[in-house]
């Protein structure tokens, strides 16, 4: 199964509101990593590099808020944990992704 197929299957299992919430993050990840990549070929380093790219982005001239970064990490972890749960992967490469520790309010 490639990454695009995995994301499509995962999103199809979600409620409409959840699907909408996850769609942007997962589509962005697909564009960065490559939709044709087999899921078992997605490495921890691919996800770390992707999250480094996300952390370097700006919204209205400011870095993404910690809450936004947390949403990206949680969404990606949820996808890969689900792939483990359904038996498509033995382990989730997303487990190594770090969450921001606090919100800068």
PDB file of N, CA and C in Angstrom:
ATOM      1  N   UNK A   1       0.853  -1.171   0.000  1.00  0.00           N
ATOM      2  CA  UNK A   1       0.000   0.000   0.000  1.00  0.00           C
ATOM      3  C   UNK A   1       0.903   1.239   0.000  1.00  0.00           C
ATOM      4  N   UNK A   2       0.564   2.198  -0.850  1.00  0.00           N
ATOM      5  CA  UNK A   2       1.357   3.427  -0.853  1.00  0.00           C
ATOM      6  C   UNK A   2       0.719   4.447   0.103  1.00  0.00           C
ATOM      7  N   UNK A   3       1.428   5.535   0.315  1.00  0.00           N
ATOM      8  CA  UNK A   3       1.003   6.527   1.294  1.00  0.00           C
ATOM      9  C   UNK A   3      -0.339   7.154   0.928  1.00  0.00           C
ATOM     10  N   UNK A   4      -0.556   7.450  -0.354  1.00  0.00           N
ATOM     11  CA  UNK A   4      -1.848   8.036  -0.767  1.00  0.00           C
ATOM     12  C   UNK A   4      -3.001   7.079  -0.466  1.00  0.00           C
ATOM     13  N   UNK A   5      -2.820   5.809  -0.767  1.00  0.00           N
ATOM     14  CA  UNK A   5      -3.869   4.816  -0.496  1.00  0.00           C
ATOM     15  C   UNK A   5      -4.135   4.708   1.002  1.00  0.00           C
ATOM     16  N   UNK A   6      -3.074   4.737   1.792  1.00  0.00           N
ATOM     17  CA  UNK A   6      -3.226   4.646   3.246  1.00  0.00           C
ATOM     18  C   UNK A   6      -4.008   5.839   3.783  1.00  0.00           C
ATOM     19  N   UNK A   7      -3.663   7.038   3.325  1.00  0.00           N
ATOM     20  CA  UNK A   7      -4.362   8.242   3.782  1.00  0.00           C
ATOM     21  C   UNK A   7      -5.825   8.201   3.349  1.00  0.00           C
ATOM     22  N   UNK A   8      -6.091   7.789   2.125  1.00  0.00           N
ATOM     23  CA  UNK A   8      -7.479   7.711   1.645  1.00  0.00           C
ATOM     24  C   UNK A   8      -8.296   6.718   2.462  1.00  0.00           C
ATOM     25  N   UNK A   9      -7.721   5.562   2.732  1.00  0.00           N
ATOM     26  CA  UNK A   9      -8.402   4.542   3.526  1.00  0.00           C
ATOM     27  C   UNK A   9      -8.650   5.045   4.944  1.00  0.00           C
ATOM     28  N   UNK A  10      -7.646   5.683   5.531  1.00  0.00           N
ATOM     29  CA  UNK A  10      -7.760   6.240   6.881  1.00  0.00           C
ATOM     30  C   UNK A  10      -8.853   7.303   6.944  1.00  0.00           C
ATOM     31  N   UNK A  11      -8.832   8.239   6.006  1.00  0.00           N
ATOM     32  CA  UNK A  11      -9.825   9.317   6.022  1.00  0.00           C
ATOM     33  C   UNK A  11     -11.239   8.788   5.813  1.00  0.00           C
ATOM     34  N   UNK A  12     -11.373   7.747   5.015  1.00  0.00           N
ATOM     35  CA  UNK A  12     -12.691   7.165   4.765  1.00  0.00           C
ATOM     36  C   UNK A  12     -13.300   6.570   6.033  1.00  0.00           C
ATOM     37  N   UNK A  13     -12.469   6.254   7.017  1.00  0.00           N
ATOM     38  CA  UNK A  13     -12.943   5.669   8.272  1.00  0.00           C
ATOM     39  C   UNK A  13     -13.363   6.723   9.302  1.00  0.00           C
ATOM     40  N   UNK A  14     -13.153   7.990   8.986  1.00  0.00           N
ATOM     41  CA  UNK A  14     -13.379   9.064   9.952  1.00  0.00           C
ATOM     42  C   UNK A  14     -14.736   9.737   9.744  1.00  0.00           C
ATOM     43  N   UNK A  15     -15.221  10.370  10.799  1.00  0.00           N
ATOM     44  CA  UNK A  15     -16.421  11.207  10.687  1.00  0.00           C
ATOM     45  C   UNK A  15     -16.091  12.396   9.799  1.00  0.00           C
ATOM     46  N   UNK A  16     -17.103  13.011   9.256  1.00  0.00           N
ATOM     47  CA  UNK A  16     -16.906  14.123   8.314  1.00  0.00           C
ATOM     48  C   UNK A  16     -16.098  15.254   8.939  1.00  0.00           C
ATOM     49  N   UNK A  17     -16.391  15.618  10.178  1.00  0.00           N
ATOM     50  CA  UNK A  17     -15.668  16.729  10.812  1.00  0.00           C
ATOM     51  C   UNK A  17     -14.206  16.359  11.067  1.00  0.00           C
ATOM     52  N   UNK A  18     -13.965  15.125  11.466  1.00  0.00           N
ATOM     53  CA  UNK A  18     -12.594  14.666  11.699  1.00  0.00           C
ATOM     54  C   UNK A  18     -11.844  14.580  10.378  1.00  0.00           C
ATOM     55  N   UNK A  19     -12.506  14.059   9.365  1.00  0.00           N
ATOM     56  CA  UNK A  19     -11.901  13.947   8.033  1.00  0.00           C
ATOM     57  C   UNK A  19     -11.461  15.314   7.534  1.00  0.00           C
ATOM     58  N   UNK A  20     -12.314  16.306   7.726  1.00  0.00           N
ATOM     59  CA  UNK A  20     -11.987  17.665   7.290  1.00  0.00           C
ATOM     60  C   UNK A  20     -10.776  18.199   8.067  1.00  0.00           C
ATOM     61  N   UNK A  21     -10.740  17.945   9.354  1.00  0.00           N
ATOM     62  CA  UNK A  21      -9.640  18.410  10.194  1.00  0.00           C
ATOM     63  C   UNK A  21      -8.315  17.760   9.806  1.00  0.00           C
ATOM     64  N   UNK A  22      -8.326  16.470   9.517  1.00  0.00           N
ATOM     65  CA  UNK A  22      -7.107  15.729   9.180  1.00  0.00           C
ATOM     66  C   UNK A  22      -6.654  15.945   7.740  1.00  0.00           C
ATOM     67  N   UNK A  23      -7.579  16.270   6.858  1.00  0.00           N
ATOM     68  CA  UNK A  23      -7.291  16.297   5.423  1.00  0.00           C
ATOM     69  C   UNK A  23      -6.127  17.206   5.053  1.00  0.00           C
ATOM     70  N   UNK A  24      -6.134  18.433   5.529  1.00  0.00           N
ATOM     71  CA  UNK A  24      -5.080  19.373   5.123  1.00  0.00           C
ATOM     72  C   UNK A  24      -3.704  18.889   5.559  1.00  0.00           C
ATOM     73  N   UNK A  25      -3.586  18.481   6.813  1.00  0.00           N
ATOM     74  CA  UNK A  25      -2.293  18.033   7.333  1.00  0.00           C
ATOM     75  C   UNK A  25      -1.786  16.829   6.546  1.00  0.00           C
ATOM     76  N   UNK A  26      -2.656  15.848   6.329  1.00  0.00           N
ATOM     77  CA  UNK A  26      -2.218  14.633   5.639  1.00  0.00           C
ATOM     78  C   UNK A  26      -1.933  14.880   4.161  1.00  0.00           C
ATOM     79  N   UNK A  27      -2.685  15.760   3.529  1.00  0.00           N
ATOM     80  CA  UNK A  27      -2.401  16.111   2.130  1.00  0.00           C
ATOM     81  C   UNK A  27      -1.061  16.824   2.019  1.00  0.00           C
ATOM     82  N   UNK A  28      -0.788  17.707   2.962  1.00  0.00           N
ATOM     83  CA  UNK A  28       0.485  18.416   2.981  1.00  0.00           C
ATOM     84  C   UNK A  28       1.639  17.430   3.181  1.00  0.00           C
ATOM     85  N   UNK A  29       1.456  16.469   4.082  1.00  0.00           N
ATOM     86  CA  UNK A  29       2.479  15.444   4.308  1.00  0.00           C
ATOM     87  C   UNK A  29       2.705  14.622   3.039  1.00  0.00           C
ATOM     88  N   UNK A  30       1.617  14.259   2.347  1.00  0.00           N
ATOM     89  CA  UNK A  30       1.731  13.512   1.088  1.00  0.00           C
ATOM     90  C   UNK A  30       2.569  14.280   0.076  1.00  0.00           C
ATOM     91  N   UNK A  31       2.310  15.568  -0.043  1.00  0.00           N
ATOM     92  CA  UNK A  31       3.062  16.390  -0.996  1.00  0.00           C
ATOM     93  C   UNK A  31       4.547  16.430  -0.649  1.00  0.00           C
ATOM     94  N   UNK A  32       4.850  16.438   0.626  1.00  0.00           N
ATOM     95  CA  UNK A  32       6.247  16.534   1.069  1.00  0.00           C
ATOM     96  C   UNK A  32       6.984  15.202   0.928  1.00  0.00           C
ATOM     97  N   UNK A  33       6.355  14.110   1.350  1.00  0.00           N
ATOM     98  CA  UNK A  33       7.022  12.800   1.366  1.00  0.00           C
ATOM     99  C   UNK A  33       6.885  12.078   0.025  1.00  0.00           C
ATOM    100  N   UNK A  34       5.762  12.262  -0.627  1.00  0.00           N
ATOM    101  CA  UNK A  34       5.512  11.602  -1.904  1.00  0.00           C
ATOM    102  C   UNK A  34       4.386  10.599  -1.780  1.00  0.00           C
ATOM    103  N   UNK A  35       3.316  10.807  -2.512  1.00  0.00           N
ATOM    104  CA  UNK A  35       2.134   9.953  -2.380  1.00  0.00           C
ATOM    105  C   UNK A  35       2.341   8.509  -2.829  1.00  0.00           C
ATOM    106  N   UNK A  36       3.290   8.257  -3.717  1.00  0.00           N
ATOM    107  CA  UNK A  36       3.502   6.897  -4.227  1.00  0.00           C
ATOM    108  C   UNK A  36       4.443   6.077  -3.339  1.00  0.00           C
ATOM    109  N   UNK A  37       5.000   6.693  -2.315  1.00  0.00           N
ATOM    110  CA  UNK A  37       5.938   5.975  -1.440  1.00  0.00           C
ATOM    111  C   UNK A  37       5.205   4.857  -0.701  1.00  0.00           C
ATOM    112  N   UNK A  38       5.722   3.644  -0.732  1.00  0.00           N
ATOM    113  CA  UNK A  38       5.120   2.567   0.070  1.00  0.00           C
ATOM    114  C   UNK A  38       5.170   2.933   1.553  1.00  0.00           C
ATOM    115  N   UNK A  39       4.118   2.603   2.282  1.00  0.00           N
ATOM    116  CA  UNK A  39       4.065   3.019   3.690  1.00  0.00           C
ATOM    117  C   UNK A  39       5.208   2.425   4.504  1.00  0.00           C
ATOM    118  N   UNK A  40       5.626   1.228   4.161  1.00  0.00           N
ATOM    119  CA  UNK A  40       6.721   0.619   4.923  1.00  0.00           C
ATOM    120  C   UNK A  40       8.069   1.276   4.614  1.00  0.00           C
ATOM    121  N   UNK A  41       8.119   2.107   3.576  1.00  0.00           N
ATOM    122  CA  UNK A  41       9.350   2.829   3.219  1.00  0.00           C
ATOM    123  C   UNK A  41       9.415   4.223   3.847  1.00  0.00           C
ATOM    124  N   UNK A  42       8.358   4.630   4.547  1.00  0.00           N
ATOM    125  CA  UNK A  42       8.374   5.926   5.233  1.00  0.00           C
ATOM    126  C   UNK A  42       9.219   5.755   6.491  1.00  0.00           C
ATOM    127  N   UNK A  43      10.282   6.539   6.586  1.00  0.00           N
ATOM    128  CA  UNK A  43      11.214   6.422   7.706  1.00  0.00           C
ATOM    129  C   UNK A  43      10.997   7.543   8.703  1.00  0.00           C
ATOM    130  N   UNK A  44      11.508   7.322   9.892  1.00  0.00           N
ATOM    131  CA  UNK A  44      11.457   8.348  10.935  1.00  0.00           C
ATOM    132  C   UNK A  44      12.071   9.640  10.404  1.00  0.00           C
ATOM    133  N   UNK A  45      13.180   9.523   9.699  1.00  0.00           N
ATOM    134  CA  UNK A  45      13.854  10.717   9.187  1.00  0.00           C
ATOM    135  C   UNK A  45      12.975  11.493   8.206  1.00  0.00           C
ATOM    136  N   UNK A  46      12.156  10.797   7.419  1.00  0.00           N
ATOM    137  CA  UNK A  46      11.229  11.485   6.498  1.00  0.00           C
ATOM    138  C   UNK A  46      10.254  12.361   7.281  1.00  0.00           C
ATOM    139  N   UNK A  47       9.731  11.815   8.363  1.00  0.00           N
ATOM    140  CA  UNK A  47       8.753  12.550   9.160  1.00  0.00           C
ATOM    141  C   UNK A  47       9.409  13.692   9.937  1.00  0.00           C
ATOM    142  N   UNK A  48      10.617  13.472  10.422  1.00  0.00           N
ATOM    143  CA  UNK A  48      11.332  14.532  11.122  1.00  0.00           C
ATOM    144  C   UNK A  48      11.643  15.686  10.172  1.00  0.00           C
ATOM    145  N   UNK A  49      12.100  15.359   8.972  1.00  0.00           N
ATOM    146  CA  UNK A  49      12.369  16.413   7.981  1.00  0.00           C
ATOM    147  C   UNK A  49      11.098  17.163   7.611  1.00  0.00           C
ATOM    148  N   UNK A  50       9.998  16.445   7.474  1.00  0.00           N
ATOM    149  CA  UNK A  50       8.730  17.092   7.176  1.00  0.00           C
ATOM    150  C   UNK A  50       8.341  18.058   8.300  1.00  0.00           C
ATOM    151  N   UNK A  51       8.454  17.603   9.549  1.00  0.00           N
ATOM    152  CA  UNK A  51       8.080  18.466  10.670  1.00  0.00           C
ATOM    153  C   UNK A  51       9.034  19.653  10.801  1.00  0.00           C
ATOM    154  N   UNK A  52      10.294  19.488  10.438  1.00  0.00           N
ATOM    155  CA  UNK A  52      11.213  20.629  10.421  1.00  0.00           C
ATOM    156  C   UNK A  52      10.742  21.665   9.409  1.00  0.00           C
ATOM    157  N   UNK A  53      10.266  21.187   8.261  1.00  0.00           N
ATOM    158  CA  UNK A  53       9.725  22.090   7.253  1.00  0.00           C
ATOM    159  C   UNK A  53       8.498  22.827   7.797  1.00  0.00           C
ATOM    160  N   UNK A  54       7.599  22.092   8.445  1.00  0.00           N
ATOM    161  CA  UNK A  54       6.397  22.708   9.013  1.00  0.00           C
ATOM    162  C   UNK A  54       6.781  23.764  10.049  1.00  0.00           C
ATOM    163  N   UNK A  55       7.722  23.434  10.913  1.00  0.00           N
ATOM    164  CA  UNK A  55       8.139  24.371  11.966  1.00  0.00           C
ATOM    165  C   UNK A  55       8.782  25.640  11.397  1.00  0.00           C
ATOM    166  N   UNK A  56       9.333  25.548  10.198  1.00  0.00           N
ATOM    167  CA  UNK A  56       9.982  26.722   9.601  1.00  0.00           C
ATOM    168  C   UNK A  56       9.003  27.638   8.873  1.00  0.00           C
ATOM    169  N   UNK A  57       7.774  27.207   8.718  1.00  0.00           N
ATOM    170  CA  UNK A  57       6.784  27.998   7.994  1.00  0.00           C
ATOM    171  C   UNK A  57       6.291  29.173   8.819  1.00  0.00           C
ATOM    172  N   UNK A  58       5.748  30.139   8.100  1.00  0.00           N
ATOM    173  CA  UNK A  58       5.196  31.328   8.735  1.00  0.00           C
ATOM    174  C   UNK A  58       3.733  31.480   8.326  1.00  0.00           C
ATOM    175  N   UNK A  59       2.953  32.043   9.240  1.00  0.00           N
ATOM    176  CA  UNK A  59       1.560  32.388   8.965  1.00  0.00           C
ATOM    177  C   UNK A  59       1.399  33.844   9.356  1.00  0.00           C
ATOM    178  N   UNK A  60       1.122  34.678   8.379  1.00  0.00           N
ATOM    179  CA  UNK A  60       1.001  36.128   8.606  1.00  0.00           C
ATOM    180  C   UNK A  60       2.262  36.692   9.248  1.00  0.00           C
ATOM    181  N   UNK A  61       3.391  36.183   8.776  1.00  0.00           N
ATOM    182  CA  UNK A  61       4.674  36.696   9.227  1.00  0.00           C
ATOM    183  C   UNK A  61       5.188  36.125  10.536  1.00  0.00           C
ATOM    184  N   UNK A  62       4.407  35.267  11.176  1.00  0.00           N
ATOM    185  CA  UNK A  62       4.810  34.691  12.453  1.00  0.00           C
ATOM    186  C   UNK A  62       4.957  33.178  12.306  1.00  0.00           C
ATOM    187  N   UNK A  63       5.856  32.586  13.100  1.00  0.00           N
ATOM    188  CA  UNK A  63       5.978  31.123  13.073  1.00  0.00           C
ATOM    189  C   UNK A  63       4.660  30.480  13.496  1.00  0.00           C
ATOM    190  N   UNK A  64       4.448  29.247  13.055  1.00  0.00           N
ATOM    191  CA  UNK A  64       3.251  28.519  13.475  1.00  0.00           C
ATOM    192  C   UNK A  64       3.216  28.429  14.996  1.00  0.00           C
ATOM    193  N   UNK A  65       2.041  28.531  15.560  1.00  0.00           N
ATOM    194  CA  UNK A  65       1.862  28.392  16.999  1.00  0.00           C
ATOM    195  C   UNK A  65       2.129  26.951  17.421  1.00  0.00           C
ATOM    196  N   UNK A  66       2.489  26.777  18.680  1.00  0.00           N
ATOM    197  CA  UNK A  66       2.717  25.430  19.210  1.00  0.00           C
ATOM    198  C   UNK A  66       1.481  24.554  19.037  1.00  0.00           C
ATOM    199  N   UNK A  67       0.305  25.139  19.179  1.00  0.00           N
ATOM    200  CA  UNK A  67      -0.931  24.366  19.024  1.00  0.00           C
ATOM    201  C   UNK A  67      -1.049  23.810  17.607  1.00  0.00           C
ATOM    202  N   UNK A  68      -0.626  24.575  16.625  1.00  0.00           N
ATOM    203  CA  UNK A  68      -0.663  24.113  15.233  1.00  0.00           C
ATOM    204  C   UNK A  68       0.327  22.980  15.031  1.00  0.00           C
ATOM    205  N   UNK A  69       1.519  23.122  15.568  1.00  0.00           N
ATOM    206  CA  UNK A  69       2.531  22.068  15.454  1.00  0.00           C
ATOM    207  C   UNK A  69       2.024  20.798  16.128  1.00  0.00           C
ATOM    208  N   UNK A  70       1.404  20.952  17.301  1.00  0.00           N
ATOM    209  CA  UNK A  70       0.847  19.787  18.010  1.00  0.00           C
ATOM    210  C   UNK A  70      -0.205  19.090  17.160  1.00  0.00           C
ATOM    211  N   UNK A  71      -1.029  19.859  16.466  1.00  0.00           N
ATOM    212  CA  UNK A  71      -2.059  19.256  15.611  1.00  0.00           C
ATOM    213  C   UNK A  71      -1.418  18.436  14.501  1.00  0.00           C
ATOM    214  N   UNK A  72      -0.375  18.946  13.883  1.00  0.00           N
ATOM    215  CA  UNK A  72       0.324  18.207  12.833  1.00  0.00           C
ATOM    216  C   UNK A  72       0.878  16.900  13.387  1.00  0.00           C
ATOM    217  N   UNK A  73       1.565  16.973  14.520  1.00  0.00           N
ATOM    218  CA  UNK A  73       2.175  15.772  15.107  1.00  0.00           C
ATOM    219  C   UNK A  73       1.097  14.762  15.484  1.00  0.00           C
ATOM    220  N   UNK A  74       0.043  15.216  16.148  1.00  0.00           N
ATOM    221  CA  UNK A  74      -1.022  14.306  16.571  1.00  0.00           C
ATOM    222  C   UNK A  74      -1.710  13.644  15.383  1.00  0.00           C
ATOM    223  N   UNK A  75      -1.946  14.391  14.330  1.00  0.00           N
ATOM    224  CA  UNK A  75      -2.604  13.832  13.145  1.00  0.00           C
ATOM    225  C   UNK A  75      -1.734  12.765  12.497  1.00  0.00           C
ATOM    226  N   UNK A  76      -0.465  13.042  12.349  1.00  0.00           N
ATOM    227  CA  UNK A  76       0.452  12.081  11.725  1.00  0.00           C
ATOM    228  C   UNK A  76       0.604  10.844  12.602  1.00  0.00           C
ATOM    229  N   UNK A  77       0.717  11.041  13.907  1.00  0.00           N
ATOM    230  CA  UNK A  77       0.804   9.892  14.819  1.00  0.00           C
ATOM    231  C   UNK A  77      -0.452   9.033  14.730  1.00  0.00           C
ATOM    232  N   UNK A  78      -1.601   9.676  14.664  1.00  0.00           N
ATOM    233  CA  UNK A  78      -2.864   8.952  14.592  1.00  0.00           C
ATOM    234  C   UNK A  78      -2.916   8.085  13.340  1.00  0.00           C
ATOM    235  N   UNK A  79      -2.506   8.635  12.201  1.00  0.00           N
ATOM    236  CA  UNK A  79      -2.482   7.862  10.957  1.00  0.00           C
ATOM    237  C   UNK A  79      -1.596   6.631  11.098  1.00  0.00           C
ATOM    238  N   UNK A  80      -0.350   6.819  11.520  1.00  0.00           N
ATOM    239  CA  UNK A  80       0.584   5.698  11.566  1.00  0.00           C
ATOM    240  C   UNK A  80       0.227   4.694  12.663  1.00  0.00           C
ATOM    241  N   UNK A  81      -0.308   5.156  13.783  1.00  0.00           N
ATOM    242  CA  UNK A  81      -0.771   4.216  14.815  1.00  0.00           C
ATOM    243  C   UNK A  81      -1.929   3.375  14.293  1.00  0.00           C
ATOM    244  N   UNK A  82      -2.807   3.980  13.510  1.00  0.00           N
ATOM    245  CA  UNK A  82      -3.925   3.255  12.915  1.00  0.00           C
ATOM    246  C   UNK A  82      -3.406   2.199  11.935  1.00  0.00           C
ATOM    247  N   UNK A  83      -2.385   2.543  11.153  1.00  0.00           N
ATOM    248  CA  UNK A  83      -1.807   1.578  10.219  1.00  0.00           C
ATOM    249  C   UNK A  83      -1.207   0.382  10.965  1.00  0.00           C
ATOM    250  N   UNK A  84      -0.637   0.621  12.132  1.00  0.00           N
ATOM    251  CA  UNK A  84      -0.139  -0.476  12.969  1.00  0.00           C
ATOM    252  C   UNK A  84      -1.318  -1.296  13.486  1.00  0.00           C
ATOM    253  N   UNK A  85      -2.339  -0.609  13.950  1.00  0.00           N
ATOM    254  CA  UNK A  85      -3.520  -1.268  14.520  1.00  0.00           C
ATOM    255  C   UNK A  85      -4.202  -2.202  13.518  1.00  0.00           C
ATOM    256  N   UNK A  86      -4.265  -1.795  12.258  1.00  0.00           N
ATOM    257  CA  UNK A  86      -4.935  -2.645  11.260  1.00  0.00           C
ATOM    258  C   UNK A  86      -3.982  -3.663  10.629  1.00  0.00           C
ATOM    259  N   UNK A  87      -2.732  -3.678  11.069  1.00  0.00           N
ATOM    260  CA  UNK A  87      -1.785  -4.686  10.619  1.00  0.00           C
ATOM    261  C   UNK A  87      -1.017  -4.366   9.357  1.00  0.00           C
ATOM    262  N   UNK A  88      -1.070  -3.119   8.900  1.00  0.00           N
ATOM    263  CA  UNK A  88      -0.337  -2.741   7.690  1.00  0.00           C
ATOM    264  C   UNK A  88       1.128  -2.417   7.977  1.00  0.00           C
ATOM    265  N   UNK A  89       1.427  -2.015   9.196  1.00  0.00           N
ATOM    266  CA  UNK A  89       2.802  -1.729   9.617  1.00  0.00           C
ATOM    267  C   UNK A  89       3.071  -2.455  10.927  1.00  0.00           C
ATOM    268  N   UNK A  90       4.337  -2.802  11.146  1.00  0.00           N
ATOM    269  CA  UNK A  90       4.709  -3.433  12.413  1.00  0.00           C
ATOM    270  C   UNK A  90       4.934  -2.397  13.508  1.00  0.00           C
ATOM    271  N   UNK A  91       5.453  -1.229  13.125  1.00  0.00           N
ATOM    272  CA  UNK A  91       5.665  -0.153  14.088  1.00  0.00           C
ATOM    273  C   UNK A  91       5.441   1.183  13.394  1.00  0.00           C
ATOM    274  N   UNK A  92       5.161   2.193  14.207  1.00  0.00           N
ATOM    275  CA  UNK A  92       4.849   3.520  13.672  1.00  0.00           C
ATOM    276  C   UNK A  92       6.102   4.394  13.664  1.00  0.00           C
ATOM    277  N   UNK A  93       6.540   4.842  12.489  1.00  0.00           N
ATOM    278  CA  UNK A  93       7.708   5.728  12.437  1.00  0.00           C
ATOM    279  C   UNK A  93       7.438   7.081  13.088  1.00  0.00           C
ATOM    280  N   UNK A  94       6.186   7.400  13.277  1.00  0.00           N
ATOM    281  CA  UNK A  94       5.814   8.692  13.847  1.00  0.00           C
ATOM    282  C   UNK A  94       6.032   8.766  15.352  1.00  0.00           C
ATOM    283  N   UNK A  95       6.308   7.646  15.989  1.00  0.00           N
ATOM    284  CA  UNK A  95       6.492   7.633  17.449  1.00  0.00           C
ATOM    285  C   UNK A  95       7.637   8.538  17.887  1.00  0.00           C
ATOM    286  N   UNK A  96       8.598   8.771  17.018  1.00  0.00           N
ATOM    287  CA  UNK A  96       9.765   9.592  17.366  1.00  0.00           C
ATOM    288  C   UNK A  96       9.505  11.094  17.245  1.00  0.00           C
ATOM    289  N   UNK A  97       8.365  11.488  16.705  1.00  0.00           N
ATOM    290  CA  UNK A  97       8.084  12.917  16.548  1.00  0.00           C
ATOM    291  C   UNK A  97       7.873  13.566  17.905  1.00  0.00           C
ATOM    292  N   UNK A  98       8.483  14.707  18.099  1.00  0.00           N
ATOM    293  CA  UNK A  98       8.406  15.435  19.368  1.00  0.00           C
ATOM    294  C   UNK A  98       7.269  16.456  19.334  1.00  0.00           C
ATOM    295  N   UNK A  99       6.563  16.545  20.447  1.00  0.00           N
ATOM    296  CA  UNK A  99       5.515  17.542  20.618  1.00  0.00           C
ATOM    297  C   UNK A  99       6.129  18.804  21.227  1.00  0.00           C
ATOM    298  N   UNK A 100       5.647  19.972  20.817  1.00  0.00           N
ATOM    299  CA  UNK A 100       6.060  21.185  21.533  1.00  0.00           C
ATOM    300  C   UNK A 100       5.631  21.043  22.999  1.00  0.00           C
ATOM    301  N   UNK A 101       6.463  21.510  23.915  1.00  0.00           N
ATOM    302  CA  UNK A 101       6.201  21.295  25.325  1.00  0.00           C
ATOM    303  C   UNK A 101       5.202  22.277  25.914  1.00  0.00           C
ATOM    304  N   UNK A 102       5.063  23.438  25.341  1.00  0.00           N
ATOM    305  CA  UNK A 102       4.159  24.423  25.932  1.00  0.00           C
ATOM    306  C   UNK A 102       3.616  25.335  24.844  1.00  0.00           C
ATOM    307  N   UNK A 103       2.567  26.041  25.234  1.00  0.00           N
ATOM    308  CA  UNK A 103       1.956  27.002  24.333  1.00  0.00           C
ATOM    309  C   UNK A 103       2.518  28.395  24.648  1.00  0.00           C
ATOM    310  N   UNK A 104       3.037  29.111  23.661  1.00  0.00           N
ATOM    311  CA  UNK A 104       3.600  30.454  23.931  1.00  0.00           C
ATOM    312  C   UNK A 104       2.536  31.547  23.919  1.00  0.00           C
ATOM    313  N   UNK A 105       1.707  31.584  24.932  1.00  0.00           N
ATOM    314  CA  UNK A 105       0.667  32.623  24.999  1.00  0.00           C
ATOM    315  C   UNK A 105       1.129  33.788  25.801  1.00  0.00           C
TER     316      UNK A 105
END
